[in-house]
Structures are given as structure tokens and as C-alpha cells.
Amino acid sequence: MLYSNAVVGAAIFDLNGLPKEYFTTPEDDDMSWVQTIFQALGLRSLLMSSLQLEGFHHATILGTNYSAVVIKQKAHYVALLIQPQTAIDASFIEWTQTFESGELQSNPRFHLA
């Protein structure tokens, strides 16, 4: 299975955790999940500053209908909404870390919301 086929939505956040762009697919055009990611990034920021934690690379949020993976890249965070049956293993995380958000704009399945 191509990992990109498992993605049904995406959001790009700046390094402060503020949303910049949203992408939807025909499989799911509901963007309510982005609020959960926004809150998770805020919690991450709070925990890292108060507990002086370092090294955040990714987070996984498991839901009933879908799951989300948030990856910190050099210039932003990328949140990918994925189908729940997708195995979130080391190879999937590795793929997300090299994922280029520009691929969303050129992929006909994704539409800027």
C-alpha cells in the first residue's frame, strides 16, 4: 500500500503551532480534526517549556474513524489524517518525516480548503 493513499486530509502549521493551510480529499472533507491537532501542538509547547523537554519529532493521535500523525519538519509541522487501518510503524513515520507538503498541491485527490 502506498502511504499517500492512506492520507485523507492534511494541515500545515507554522513552528508556533498556528494553522497555515488545510487540505481535504473526497474521502473526508470535515476539518474538525484540525482543532485537536492545534490543541495538541499547544500542549506540546507547554510541556516542552515547563518540563524543559526537547526532541519532539512526531505525535500520533488515535481516533475512532481516523488517526492523525503530526511531524515536525524544519520549517513547519505537518499533520496527516490517515485511515485507521493504516499501520503507524517505523517505516510510516520515516515516510512522514520526508513528506513534502508541496505534494499535496500537485496531487489531484487533495483540495485546498
Protein backbone atom coordinates (compact mmCIF):
# COMPACT_ATOMS: atom_id res chain seq x y z
CA MET A 1 0.00 0.00 0.00
CA LEU A 2 1.29 3.43 -0.87
CA TYR A 3 1.30 5.56 2.24
CA SER A 4 -0.03 8.57 0.34
CA ASN A 5 -3.20 6.59 -0.45
CA ALA A 6 -3.89 6.27 3.29
CA VAL A 7 -3.92 10.06 3.78
CA VAL A 8 -7.42 11.57 3.70
CA GLY A 9 -6.61 15.07 4.96
CA ALA A 10 -3.69 17.28 5.84
CA ALA A 11 -2.91 20.50 7.65
CA ILE A 12 0.24 22.60 7.71
CA PHE A 13 1.09 24.55 10.88
CA ASP A 14 3.89 27.05 11.42
CA LEU A 15 6.51 26.37 14.09
CA ASN A 16 4.40 28.31 16.62
CA GLY A 17 1.60 25.81 16.10
CA LEU A 18 -0.66 28.15 14.13
CA PRO A 19 -2.52 26.65 11.16
CA LYS A 20 -1.45 27.84 7.69
CA GLU A 21 -3.09 25.54 5.13
CA TYR A 22 -5.70 22.77 5.11
CA PHE A 23 -6.20 20.07 2.50
CA THR A 24 -9.20 17.80 2.11
CA THR A 25 -9.97 14.77 -0.05
CA PRO A 26 -13.24 13.36 -1.36
CA GLU A 27 -13.00 10.67 1.36
CA ASP A 28 -13.25 13.27 4.14
CA ASP A 29 -13.91 16.99 3.82
CA ASP A 30 -14.55 17.59 7.55
CA MET A 31 -11.80 19.76 9.03
CA SER A 32 -12.87 19.50 12.69
CA TRP A 33 -9.88 17.26 13.42
CA VAL A 34 -7.56 20.23 12.88
CA GLN A 35 -8.75 21.71 16.20
CA THR A 36 -7.48 18.60 18.01
CA ILE A 37 -4.08 18.95 16.33
CA PHE A 38 -3.97 22.66 17.21
CA GLN A 39 -4.63 21.79 20.86
CA ALA A 40 -2.02 19.00 20.81
CA LEU A 41 0.61 21.40 19.46
CA GLY A 42 -0.29 23.89 22.18
CA LEU A 43 0.07 21.17 24.81
CA ARG A 44 3.39 20.13 23.31
CA SER A 45 4.64 23.70 23.57
CA LEU A 46 3.50 23.99 27.18
CA LEU A 47 5.08 20.68 28.19
CA MET A 48 8.33 21.38 26.43
CA SER A 49 8.71 24.80 28.06
CA SER A 50 7.61 23.84 31.58
CA LEU A 51 9.37 20.46 31.71
CA GLN A 52 12.26 21.58 29.50
CA LEU A 53 11.77 18.62 27.19
CA GLU A 54 13.49 18.55 23.83
CA GLY A 55 13.46 16.36 20.78
CA PHE A 56 9.83 16.33 19.65
CA HIS A 57 9.75 14.58 16.27
CA HIS A 58 6.22 13.26 15.90
CA ALA A 59 2.96 12.56 17.71
CA THR A 60 0.17 10.14 16.95
CA ILE A 61 -3.46 10.85 17.79
CA LEU A 62 -5.72 7.83 17.51
CA GLY A 63 -9.40 8.38 16.84
CA THR A 64 -12.44 6.24 16.18
CA ASN A 65 -12.85 6.99 12.48
CA TYR A 66 -9.38 8.23 11.61
CA SER A 67 -5.95 8.73 13.14
CA ALA A 68 -3.56 11.63 12.77
CA VAL A 69 0.19 11.89 12.73
CA VAL A 70 1.92 15.20 13.41
CA ILE A 71 5.50 15.56 12.21
CA LYS A 72 7.89 18.39 12.98
CA GLN A 73 9.84 19.37 9.91
CA LYS A 74 12.41 22.16 9.51
CA ALA A 75 10.02 24.98 8.60
CA HIS A 76 6.66 23.75 9.90
CA TYR A 77 4.53 20.96 11.33
CA VAL A 78 2.64 18.63 9.02
CA ALA A 79 -0.47 16.87 10.30
CA LEU A 80 -1.79 13.99 8.22
CA LEU A 81 -5.23 12.49 8.76
CA ILE A 82 -4.99 8.81 7.90
CA GLN A 83 -7.31 5.85 7.60
CA PRO A 84 -7.49 3.93 10.90
CA GLN A 85 -6.37 0.60 9.43
CA THR A 86 -3.03 2.11 8.39
CA ALA A 87 -0.16 0.69 10.44
CA ILE A 88 1.72 3.53 12.10
CA ASP A 89 5.07 1.81 12.29
CA ALA A 90 8.67 2.98 11.94
CA SER A 91 8.56 2.95 8.13
CA PHE A 92 5.37 5.03 8.08
CA ILE A 93 6.92 7.60 10.45
CA GLU A 94 10.04 7.67 8.29
CA TRP A 95 7.89 8.35 5.22
CA THR A 96 6.06 11.20 7.00
CA GLN A 97 9.33 12.82 8.04
CA THR A 98 10.38 13.11 4.40
CA PHE A 99 6.88 14.05 3.20
CA GLU A 100 6.86 17.25 1.18
CA SER A 101 3.76 19.37 1.71
CA GLY A 102 4.08 20.58 -1.90
CA GLU A 103 2.99 17.09 -2.94
CA LEU A 104 -0.49 17.95 -1.66
CA GLN A 105 -0.88 20.81 -4.11
CA SER A 106 0.08 18.67 -7.09
CA ASN A 107 -1.97 15.62 -6.07
CA PRO A 108 -5.45 15.75 -7.68
CA ARG A 109 -7.01 13.99 -4.64
CA PHE A 110 -6.25 16.98 -2.39
CA HIS A 111 -8.05 20.30 -2.44
CA LEU A 112 -7.05 23.42 -0.55
CA ALA A 113 -9.79 24.12 1.99
